[in-house]
N, C-alpha and C. Protein backbone atom coordinates (compact mmCIF):
# COMPACT_ATOMS: atom_id res chain seq x y z
N UNK A 1 -46.82 161.98 35.25
CA UNK A 1 -45.71 161.09 35.48
C UNK A 1 -45.13 160.65 34.14
N UNK A 2 -43.85 160.83 34.00
CA UNK A 2 -43.16 160.37 32.80
C UNK A 2 -42.12 159.34 33.23
N UNK A 3 -41.98 158.31 32.42
CA UNK A 3 -40.93 157.32 32.65
C UNK A 3 -39.63 157.87 32.09
N UNK A 4 -38.51 157.40 32.62
CA UNK A 4 -37.21 157.83 32.11
C UNK A 4 -37.04 157.51 30.63
N UNK A 5 -37.53 156.34 30.19
CA UNK A 5 -37.33 155.96 28.79
C UNK A 5 -38.08 156.86 27.82
N UNK A 6 -39.05 157.63 28.30
CA UNK A 6 -39.80 158.51 27.40
C UNK A 6 -39.51 159.99 27.62
N UNK A 7 -38.65 160.32 28.55
CA UNK A 7 -38.40 161.73 28.87
C UNK A 7 -37.87 162.54 27.69
N UNK A 8 -37.00 161.95 26.87
CA UNK A 8 -36.40 162.72 25.78
C UNK A 8 -37.42 163.09 24.71
N UNK A 9 -38.49 162.33 24.56
CA UNK A 9 -39.47 162.67 23.53
C UNK A 9 -40.83 163.06 24.10
N UNK A 10 -41.09 162.78 25.37
CA UNK A 10 -42.40 163.11 25.93
C UNK A 10 -42.36 164.28 26.90
N UNK A 11 -41.19 164.65 27.39
CA UNK A 11 -41.11 165.74 28.36
C UNK A 11 -41.67 167.03 27.79
N UNK A 12 -41.46 167.25 26.52
CA UNK A 12 -42.00 168.44 25.87
C UNK A 12 -43.47 168.27 25.54
N UNK A 13 -43.97 167.06 25.75
CA UNK A 13 -45.34 166.67 25.41
C UNK A 13 -45.62 166.78 23.91
N UNK A 14 -44.56 166.72 23.10
CA UNK A 14 -44.79 166.67 21.66
C UNK A 14 -45.25 165.29 21.24
N UNK A 15 -44.94 164.28 22.05
CA UNK A 15 -45.45 162.93 21.86
C UNK A 15 -46.38 162.60 23.01
N UNK A 16 -47.24 161.63 22.79
CA UNK A 16 -48.22 161.27 23.82
C UNK A 16 -47.54 160.39 24.87
N UNK A 17 -47.45 160.87 26.11
CA UNK A 17 -46.80 160.06 27.15
C UNK A 17 -47.67 158.86 27.54
N UNK A 18 -47.04 157.85 28.09
CA UNK A 18 -47.74 156.63 28.47
C UNK A 18 -48.92 156.90 29.39
N UNK A 19 -48.78 157.84 30.31
CA UNK A 19 -49.86 158.13 31.25
C UNK A 19 -51.11 158.61 30.50
N UNK A 20 -50.93 159.41 29.46
CA UNK A 20 -52.08 159.86 28.66
C UNK A 20 -52.58 158.74 27.76
N UNK A 21 -51.66 157.94 27.22
CA UNK A 21 -52.06 156.81 26.38
C UNK A 21 -52.93 155.83 27.17
N UNK A 22 -52.52 155.59 28.42
CA UNK A 22 -53.29 154.68 29.26
C UNK A 22 -54.71 155.21 29.46
N UNK A 23 -54.82 156.48 29.74
CA UNK A 23 -56.14 157.08 29.97
C UNK A 23 -56.98 157.05 28.70
N UNK A 24 -56.36 157.30 27.56
CA UNK A 24 -57.08 157.23 26.29
C UNK A 24 -57.58 155.80 26.03
N UNK A 25 -56.75 154.81 26.35
CA UNK A 25 -57.17 153.41 26.21
C UNK A 25 -58.33 153.10 27.14
N UNK A 26 -58.26 153.59 28.36
CA UNK A 26 -59.32 153.34 29.34
C UNK A 26 -60.65 153.87 28.84
N UNK A 27 -60.65 155.06 28.25
CA UNK A 27 -61.91 155.64 27.77
C UNK A 27 -62.24 155.22 26.34
N UNK A 28 -61.33 154.47 25.70
CA UNK A 28 -61.62 153.92 24.38
C UNK A 28 -61.52 154.91 23.23
N UNK A 29 -60.59 155.84 23.32
CA UNK A 29 -60.41 156.84 22.25
C UNK A 29 -59.04 156.65 21.62
N UNK A 30 -59.03 156.58 20.29
CA UNK A 30 -57.77 156.52 19.54
C UNK A 30 -57.43 157.95 19.12
N UNK A 31 -56.33 158.44 19.62
CA UNK A 31 -55.89 159.80 19.34
C UNK A 31 -54.63 159.75 18.51
N UNK A 32 -54.65 160.40 17.37
CA UNK A 32 -53.46 160.41 16.52
C UNK A 32 -52.46 161.43 17.05
N UNK A 33 -51.21 161.24 16.69
CA UNK A 33 -50.18 162.20 17.07
C UNK A 33 -50.49 163.57 16.44
N UNK A 34 -51.06 163.55 15.26
CA UNK A 34 -51.45 164.80 14.60
C UNK A 34 -52.49 165.55 15.43
N UNK A 35 -53.50 164.83 15.92
CA UNK A 35 -54.51 165.46 16.77
C UNK A 35 -53.86 165.99 18.05
N UNK A 36 -53.04 165.16 18.68
CA UNK A 36 -52.36 165.54 19.92
C UNK A 36 -51.55 166.82 19.71
N UNK A 37 -50.85 166.91 18.59
CA UNK A 37 -49.97 168.06 18.34
C UNK A 37 -50.76 169.35 18.13
N UNK A 38 -52.02 169.25 17.82
CA UNK A 38 -52.85 170.45 17.63
C UNK A 38 -53.34 171.03 18.95
N UNK A 39 -53.25 170.25 20.02
CA UNK A 39 -53.65 170.75 21.34
C UNK A 39 -52.55 171.67 21.86
N UNK A 40 -52.92 172.63 22.69
CA UNK A 40 -51.91 173.51 23.30
C UNK A 40 -51.10 172.69 24.31
N UNK A 41 -49.96 173.22 24.68
CA UNK A 41 -49.11 172.56 25.69
C UNK A 41 -49.89 172.34 26.97
N UNK A 42 -50.67 173.33 27.38
CA UNK A 42 -51.47 173.24 28.60
C UNK A 42 -52.54 172.16 28.47
N UNK A 43 -53.17 172.06 27.31
CA UNK A 43 -54.19 171.03 27.09
C UNK A 43 -53.57 169.63 27.12
N UNK A 44 -52.42 169.48 26.50
CA UNK A 44 -51.73 168.18 26.53
C UNK A 44 -51.34 167.82 27.96
N UNK A 45 -50.85 168.81 28.69
CA UNK A 45 -50.49 168.58 30.10
C UNK A 45 -51.69 168.17 30.93
N UNK A 46 -52.83 168.79 30.66
CA UNK A 46 -54.02 168.44 31.45
C UNK A 46 -54.46 167.01 31.14
N UNK A 47 -54.30 166.56 29.89
CA UNK A 47 -54.68 165.18 29.55
C UNK A 47 -53.75 164.18 30.21
N UNK A 48 -52.52 164.59 30.47
CA UNK A 48 -51.60 163.71 31.20
C UNK A 48 -51.92 163.72 32.69
N UNK A 49 -52.40 164.84 33.21
CA UNK A 49 -52.59 165.00 34.65
C UNK A 49 -53.99 164.67 35.17
N UNK A 50 -55.01 164.81 34.35
CA UNK A 50 -56.38 164.59 34.83
C UNK A 50 -56.57 163.17 35.35
N UNK A 51 -57.34 163.02 36.42
CA UNK A 51 -57.62 161.67 36.92
C UNK A 51 -58.55 160.92 35.96
N UNK A 52 -58.44 159.61 35.97
CA UNK A 52 -59.25 158.80 35.05
C UNK A 52 -59.48 157.41 35.64
N UNK A 53 -59.84 157.37 36.92
CA UNK A 53 -60.03 156.08 37.58
C UNK A 53 -61.48 155.71 37.76
N UNK A 54 -62.28 156.61 38.31
CA UNK A 54 -63.69 156.31 38.55
C UNK A 54 -64.49 156.48 37.26
N UNK A 55 -65.69 155.98 37.25
CA UNK A 55 -66.55 156.14 36.06
C UNK A 55 -66.80 157.61 35.77
N UNK A 56 -66.98 158.41 36.81
CA UNK A 56 -67.20 159.85 36.63
C UNK A 56 -65.97 160.51 36.01
N UNK A 57 -64.80 160.17 36.52
CA UNK A 57 -63.56 160.74 35.99
C UNK A 57 -63.35 160.30 34.54
N UNK A 58 -63.66 159.06 34.23
CA UNK A 58 -63.52 158.56 32.87
C UNK A 58 -64.47 159.28 31.92
N UNK A 59 -65.69 159.51 32.36
CA UNK A 59 -66.66 160.23 31.52
C UNK A 59 -66.18 161.66 31.28
N UNK A 60 -65.68 162.31 32.33
CA UNK A 60 -65.18 163.68 32.19
C UNK A 60 -63.96 163.72 31.28
N UNK A 61 -63.07 162.74 31.41
CA UNK A 61 -61.88 162.67 30.57
C UNK A 61 -62.27 162.50 29.11
N UNK A 62 -63.17 161.58 28.87
CA UNK A 62 -63.64 161.31 27.51
C UNK A 62 -64.27 162.57 26.89
N UNK A 63 -65.08 163.26 27.67
CA UNK A 63 -65.71 164.50 27.19
C UNK A 63 -64.66 165.55 26.89
N UNK A 64 -63.65 165.66 27.74
CA UNK A 64 -62.58 166.65 27.53
C UNK A 64 -61.83 166.36 26.23
N UNK A 65 -61.47 165.10 26.00
CA UNK A 65 -60.77 164.74 24.77
C UNK A 65 -61.66 165.01 23.56
N UNK A 66 -62.91 164.64 23.64
CA UNK A 66 -63.84 164.86 22.52
C UNK A 66 -63.95 166.36 22.20
N UNK A 67 -64.05 167.19 23.24
CA UNK A 67 -64.13 168.65 23.03
C UNK A 67 -62.86 169.18 22.37
N UNK A 68 -61.71 168.71 22.84
CA UNK A 68 -60.44 169.17 22.28
C UNK A 68 -60.30 168.76 20.82
N UNK A 69 -60.68 167.54 20.51
CA UNK A 69 -60.61 167.08 19.13
C UNK A 69 -61.51 167.93 18.24
N UNK A 70 -62.74 168.18 18.70
CA UNK A 70 -63.68 168.99 17.92
C UNK A 70 -63.17 170.42 17.75
N UNK A 71 -62.56 170.95 18.79
CA UNK A 71 -62.08 172.33 18.78
C UNK A 71 -60.80 172.52 17.97
N UNK A 72 -59.87 171.60 18.08
CA UNK A 72 -58.53 171.80 17.53
C UNK A 72 -58.19 170.99 16.28
N UNK A 73 -58.98 169.98 15.98
CA UNK A 73 -58.60 169.07 14.90
C UNK A 73 -59.66 169.02 13.81
N UNK A 74 -59.20 168.77 12.61
CA UNK A 74 -60.14 168.58 11.50
C UNK A 74 -60.43 167.09 11.30
N UNK A 75 -59.91 166.26 12.19
CA UNK A 75 -60.16 164.82 12.13
C UNK A 75 -61.25 164.47 13.14
N UNK A 76 -62.05 163.46 12.83
CA UNK A 76 -63.10 163.07 13.78
C UNK A 76 -62.53 162.27 14.96
N UNK A 77 -63.31 162.21 16.01
CA UNK A 77 -62.98 161.35 17.13
C UNK A 77 -63.11 159.91 16.66
N UNK A 78 -62.11 159.10 16.96
CA UNK A 78 -62.14 157.69 16.56
C UNK A 78 -62.08 156.81 17.79
N UNK A 79 -63.04 155.91 17.92
CA UNK A 79 -62.98 154.97 19.05
C UNK A 79 -61.92 153.91 18.77
N UNK A 80 -61.37 153.36 19.85
CA UNK A 80 -60.44 152.24 19.71
C UNK A 80 -61.23 151.02 19.25
N UNK A 81 -60.64 150.25 18.35
CA UNK A 81 -61.30 149.04 17.87
C UNK A 81 -61.49 148.06 19.03
N UNK A 82 -60.46 147.90 19.82
CA UNK A 82 -60.54 147.09 21.04
C UNK A 82 -59.81 147.83 22.12
N UNK A 83 -60.36 147.81 23.28
CA UNK A 83 -59.71 148.53 24.38
C UNK A 83 -58.51 147.80 24.92
N UNK A 84 -58.54 146.50 25.02
CA UNK A 84 -57.39 145.74 25.47
C UNK A 84 -57.02 145.96 26.93
N UNK A 85 -57.97 146.41 27.74
CA UNK A 85 -57.68 146.70 29.15
C UNK A 85 -57.20 145.47 29.89
N UNK A 86 -57.79 144.34 29.57
CA UNK A 86 -57.46 143.12 30.31
C UNK A 86 -56.00 142.75 30.19
N UNK A 87 -55.33 143.13 29.13
CA UNK A 87 -53.94 142.74 28.92
C UNK A 87 -53.00 143.29 30.00
N UNK A 88 -53.20 144.49 30.43
CA UNK A 88 -52.30 145.08 31.43
C UNK A 88 -52.92 145.12 32.82
N UNK A 89 -54.22 144.99 32.93
CA UNK A 89 -54.87 145.06 34.23
C UNK A 89 -54.71 143.78 35.03
N UNK A 90 -54.46 142.70 34.36
CA UNK A 90 -54.33 141.42 35.05
C UNK A 90 -52.90 141.22 35.53
N UNK A 91 -52.70 141.46 36.80
CA UNK A 91 -51.38 141.29 37.38
C UNK A 91 -50.94 139.84 37.48
N UNK A 92 -51.89 138.93 37.47
CA UNK A 92 -51.56 137.51 37.63
C UNK A 92 -51.18 136.84 36.32
N UNK A 93 -51.43 137.50 35.19
CA UNK A 93 -51.19 136.86 33.90
C UNK A 93 -50.52 137.83 32.93
N UNK A 94 -49.26 137.53 32.59
CA UNK A 94 -48.53 138.38 31.66
C UNK A 94 -48.99 138.07 30.23
N UNK A 95 -49.28 139.10 29.44
CA UNK A 95 -49.69 138.88 28.05
C UNK A 95 -48.58 138.26 27.21
N UNK A 96 -48.97 137.46 26.24
CA UNK A 96 -48.01 136.82 25.34
C UNK A 96 -47.16 137.85 24.59
N UNK A 97 -47.74 139.01 24.29
CA UNK A 97 -47.00 140.04 23.55
C UNK A 97 -45.73 140.45 24.30
N UNK A 98 -45.81 140.55 25.61
CA UNK A 98 -44.64 140.93 26.42
C UNK A 98 -43.60 139.83 26.36
N UNK A 99 -44.03 138.60 26.52
CA UNK A 99 -43.12 137.46 26.46
C UNK A 99 -42.44 137.39 25.09
N UNK A 100 -43.21 137.56 24.03
CA UNK A 100 -42.66 137.48 22.67
C UNK A 100 -41.69 138.63 22.38
N UNK A 101 -42.00 139.84 22.88
CA UNK A 101 -41.09 140.97 22.65
C UNK A 101 -39.78 140.75 23.40
N UNK A 102 -39.86 140.23 24.62
CA UNK A 102 -38.63 139.95 25.38
C UNK A 102 -37.80 138.92 24.62
N UNK A 103 -38.45 137.90 24.11
CA UNK A 103 -37.73 136.88 23.34
C UNK A 103 -37.09 137.49 22.10
N UNK A 104 -37.82 138.35 21.40
CA UNK A 104 -37.29 139.01 20.19
C UNK A 104 -36.08 139.89 20.53
N UNK A 105 -36.08 140.46 21.74
CA UNK A 105 -34.97 141.32 22.17
C UNK A 105 -33.85 140.54 22.84
N UNK A 106 -34.01 139.23 22.97
CA UNK A 106 -32.97 138.41 23.56
C UNK A 106 -32.82 138.58 25.05
N UNK A 107 -33.91 138.91 25.73
CA UNK A 107 -33.87 139.08 27.19
C UNK A 107 -34.93 138.18 27.83
N UNK A 108 -34.77 137.95 29.10
CA UNK A 108 -35.75 137.15 29.83
C UNK A 108 -36.99 137.99 30.09
N UNK A 109 -38.17 137.42 29.89
CA UNK A 109 -39.39 138.17 30.21
C UNK A 109 -39.55 138.28 31.72
N UNK A 110 -40.40 139.16 32.19
CA UNK A 110 -40.65 139.23 33.63
C UNK A 110 -41.18 137.88 34.14
N UNK A 111 -40.81 137.55 35.34
CA UNK A 111 -41.38 136.37 35.96
C UNK A 111 -42.82 136.70 36.36
N UNK A 112 -43.56 135.68 36.72
CA UNK A 112 -44.94 135.90 37.17
C UNK A 112 -44.97 136.84 38.37
N UNK A 113 -44.05 136.64 39.30
CA UNK A 113 -43.99 137.49 40.49
C UNK A 113 -43.60 138.93 40.13
N UNK A 114 -42.65 139.08 39.21
CA UNK A 114 -42.25 140.43 38.79
C UNK A 114 -43.41 141.15 38.10
N UNK A 115 -44.11 140.44 37.22
CA UNK A 115 -45.25 141.03 36.50
C UNK A 115 -46.31 141.49 37.49
N UNK A 116 -46.61 140.65 38.46
CA UNK A 116 -47.64 140.96 39.44
C UNK A 116 -47.23 142.15 40.31
N UNK A 117 -45.94 142.34 40.55
CA UNK A 117 -45.45 143.42 41.41
C UNK A 117 -45.40 144.78 40.70
N UNK A 118 -45.49 144.79 39.38
CA UNK A 118 -45.45 146.06 38.64
C UNK A 118 -46.69 146.89 38.93
N UNK A 119 -46.53 148.20 38.85
CA UNK A 119 -47.67 149.11 38.93
C UNK A 119 -48.48 148.98 37.64
N UNK A 120 -49.78 149.25 37.68
CA UNK A 120 -50.59 149.14 36.46
C UNK A 120 -50.04 149.94 35.27
N UNK A 121 -49.54 151.15 35.52
CA UNK A 121 -48.99 151.95 34.42
C UNK A 121 -47.74 151.31 33.83
N UNK A 122 -46.93 150.66 34.66
CA UNK A 122 -45.75 149.96 34.16
C UNK A 122 -46.18 148.77 33.29
N UNK A 123 -47.18 148.01 33.73
CA UNK A 123 -47.67 146.89 32.92
C UNK A 123 -48.24 147.40 31.61
N UNK A 124 -48.99 148.51 31.68
CA UNK A 124 -49.55 149.11 30.48
C UNK A 124 -48.43 149.47 29.50
N UNK A 125 -47.38 150.12 30.00
CA UNK A 125 -46.28 150.55 29.15
C UNK A 125 -45.62 149.35 28.46
N UNK A 126 -45.38 148.29 29.19
CA UNK A 126 -44.74 147.11 28.59
C UNK A 126 -45.63 146.49 27.52
N UNK A 127 -46.92 146.41 27.79
CA UNK A 127 -47.85 145.86 26.79
C UNK A 127 -47.86 146.76 25.56
N UNK A 128 -47.95 148.05 25.76
CA UNK A 128 -47.99 149.00 24.65
C UNK A 128 -46.70 148.94 23.84
N UNK A 129 -45.56 148.91 24.52
CA UNK A 129 -44.28 148.86 23.83
C UNK A 129 -44.08 147.53 23.11
N UNK A 130 -44.61 146.46 23.66
CA UNK A 130 -44.49 145.15 23.02
C UNK A 130 -45.35 145.07 21.77
N UNK A 131 -46.44 145.78 21.76
CA UNK A 131 -47.36 145.73 20.61
C UNK A 131 -47.06 146.79 19.57
N UNK A 132 -46.26 147.77 19.91
CA UNK A 132 -45.99 148.88 19.01
C UNK A 132 -45.07 148.45 17.87
N UNK A 133 -45.42 148.87 16.68
CA UNK A 133 -44.58 148.55 15.52
C UNK A 133 -43.43 149.55 15.37
N UNK A 134 -43.53 150.72 16.00
CA UNK A 134 -42.49 151.73 15.81
C UNK A 134 -41.82 152.17 17.10
N UNK A 135 -42.26 151.70 18.24
CA UNK A 135 -41.65 152.15 19.49
C UNK A 135 -41.08 151.03 20.33
N UNK A 136 -41.00 149.82 19.80
CA UNK A 136 -40.55 148.75 20.67
C UNK A 136 -39.05 148.83 20.99
N UNK A 137 -38.34 149.81 20.43
CA UNK A 137 -36.95 149.99 20.84
C UNK A 137 -36.87 150.48 22.28
N UNK A 138 -37.98 150.93 22.83
CA UNK A 138 -38.02 151.36 24.23
C UNK A 138 -38.41 150.24 25.18
N UNK A 139 -38.68 149.05 24.64
CA UNK A 139 -39.08 147.94 25.49
C UNK A 139 -37.97 147.55 26.47
N UNK A 140 -36.76 147.36 25.97
CA UNK A 140 -35.64 146.99 26.85
C UNK A 140 -35.34 148.10 27.85
N UNK A 141 -35.25 149.38 27.44
CA UNK A 141 -35.06 150.43 28.44
C UNK A 141 -36.17 150.46 29.50
N UNK A 142 -37.40 150.19 29.10
CA UNK A 142 -38.50 150.16 30.08
C UNK A 142 -38.32 149.00 31.05
N UNK A 143 -37.96 147.83 30.52
CA UNK A 143 -37.73 146.66 31.38
C UNK A 143 -36.62 146.98 32.39
N UNK A 144 -35.57 147.64 31.92
CA UNK A 144 -34.46 148.00 32.80
C UNK A 144 -34.93 149.01 33.85
N UNK A 145 -35.66 150.04 33.41
CA UNK A 145 -36.14 151.06 34.33
C UNK A 145 -37.06 150.49 35.40
N UNK A 146 -37.85 149.50 35.06
CA UNK A 146 -38.79 148.91 36.00
C UNK A 146 -38.13 147.87 36.90
N UNK A 147 -36.81 147.73 36.80
CA UNK A 147 -36.06 146.82 37.67
C UNK A 147 -36.17 145.36 37.26
N UNK A 148 -36.52 145.11 36.01
CA UNK A 148 -36.70 143.75 35.54
C UNK A 148 -35.45 143.19 34.85
N UNK A 149 -34.47 144.05 34.62
CA UNK A 149 -33.21 143.66 33.98
C UNK A 149 -32.05 144.30 34.70
N UNK A 150 -30.90 143.64 34.67
CA UNK A 150 -29.69 144.31 35.16
C UNK A 150 -29.40 145.53 34.28
N UNK A 151 -28.61 146.49 34.78
CA UNK A 151 -28.38 147.74 34.05
C UNK A 151 -27.91 147.61 32.61
N UNK A 152 -27.12 146.58 32.27
CA UNK A 152 -26.57 146.50 30.92
C UNK A 152 -27.21 145.41 30.08
N UNK A 153 -28.20 144.73 30.57
CA UNK A 153 -28.85 143.65 29.82
C UNK A 153 -29.48 144.20 28.55
N UNK A 154 -29.31 143.48 27.47
CA UNK A 154 -29.92 143.86 26.21
C UNK A 154 -29.14 144.87 25.41
N UNK A 155 -28.08 145.44 25.97
CA UNK A 155 -27.33 146.47 25.25
C UNK A 155 -26.50 145.90 24.11
N UNK A 156 -26.09 144.66 24.23
CA UNK A 156 -25.22 144.08 23.21
C UNK A 156 -25.99 143.17 22.26
N UNK A 157 -27.27 143.06 22.41
CA UNK A 157 -28.08 142.18 21.56
C UNK A 157 -27.90 142.54 20.09
N UNK A 158 -27.40 141.60 19.33
CA UNK A 158 -27.17 141.75 17.89
C UNK A 158 -26.21 142.89 17.56
N UNK A 159 -25.36 143.28 18.51
CA UNK A 159 -24.44 144.39 18.26
C UNK A 159 -23.36 144.04 17.26
N UNK A 160 -22.88 142.79 17.28
CA UNK A 160 -21.81 142.39 16.38
C UNK A 160 -22.19 141.07 15.71
N UNK A 161 -22.66 141.13 14.48
CA UNK A 161 -23.10 139.91 13.81
C UNK A 161 -21.98 138.92 13.54
N UNK A 162 -20.69 139.34 13.69
CA UNK A 162 -19.58 138.42 13.43
C UNK A 162 -19.30 137.50 14.61
N UNK A 163 -19.91 137.81 15.77
CA UNK A 163 -19.69 136.97 16.96
C UNK A 163 -20.50 135.69 16.80
N UNK A 164 -19.84 134.59 17.05
CA UNK A 164 -20.50 133.30 17.01
C UNK A 164 -21.46 133.23 18.20
N UNK A 165 -22.77 132.98 17.98
CA UNK A 165 -23.73 132.97 19.07
C UNK A 165 -23.36 132.00 20.19
N UNK A 166 -22.68 130.90 19.86
CA UNK A 166 -22.32 129.95 20.91
C UNK A 166 -21.19 130.47 21.79
N UNK A 167 -20.46 131.49 21.31
CA UNK A 167 -19.37 132.07 22.10
C UNK A 167 -19.77 133.38 22.76
N UNK A 168 -20.90 133.92 22.35
CA UNK A 168 -21.35 135.22 22.90
C UNK A 168 -21.86 135.02 24.31
N UNK A 169 -21.68 136.03 25.16
CA UNK A 169 -22.21 135.93 26.53
C UNK A 169 -23.74 135.86 26.47
N UNK A 170 -24.28 135.06 27.32
CA UNK A 170 -25.74 134.88 27.35
C UNK A 170 -26.40 135.99 28.13
N UNK A 171 -27.44 136.58 27.57
CA UNK A 171 -28.21 137.59 28.27
C UNK A 171 -29.07 136.96 29.34
N UNK A 172 -29.25 135.63 29.26
CA UNK A 172 -30.12 134.96 30.21
C UNK A 172 -29.36 134.29 31.34
N UNK A 173 -28.06 134.16 31.20
CA UNK A 173 -27.29 133.37 32.14
C UNK A 173 -27.36 133.85 33.58
N UNK A 174 -27.49 135.13 33.83
CA UNK A 174 -27.44 135.63 35.19
C UNK A 174 -28.77 136.18 35.67
N UNK A 175 -29.83 135.96 34.89
CA UNK A 175 -31.15 136.45 35.32
C UNK A 175 -31.91 135.37 36.06
N UNK A 176 -32.71 135.75 37.05
CA UNK A 176 -33.52 134.75 37.74
C UNK A 176 -34.64 134.28 36.83
N UNK A 177 -35.08 133.06 37.05
CA UNK A 177 -36.18 132.52 36.25
C UNK A 177 -37.50 132.99 36.71
């Protein structure tokens, strides 16, 4: 499964799609883009498609990634310093990182009800995009794709620095609280 906001760079699987990133986080493996790029297209596709829900599936997934790293990469397997599973698994509590990224982008964060209604992979993507230092430009498109923003919200944020902020249309004025 690929989200629309990642199709242009993940459809070819040259970048690690969110579905594979989520599984890597679940099993606690930090995979570099360099390591990922050394895997064949079929191997990358299998890492996106393999199940990773039960303990057995997670063990098999972890073993598969470890084998691929050993086979294809000259870099060692690196465990994640912190797994951070609780940040996206808790549907009742939105992480501060998501709230802060929405504020930085000049948009309303998801409401408690909206956050709880998201699928786990959607919550994972928002947390990951909010914490990313180089990919948070996809945060607003992800919010829009997940139905958390009107179609054009966030498009004009900081577009024209000559506009007086008190005269600019509010991105928050028409969003529900």
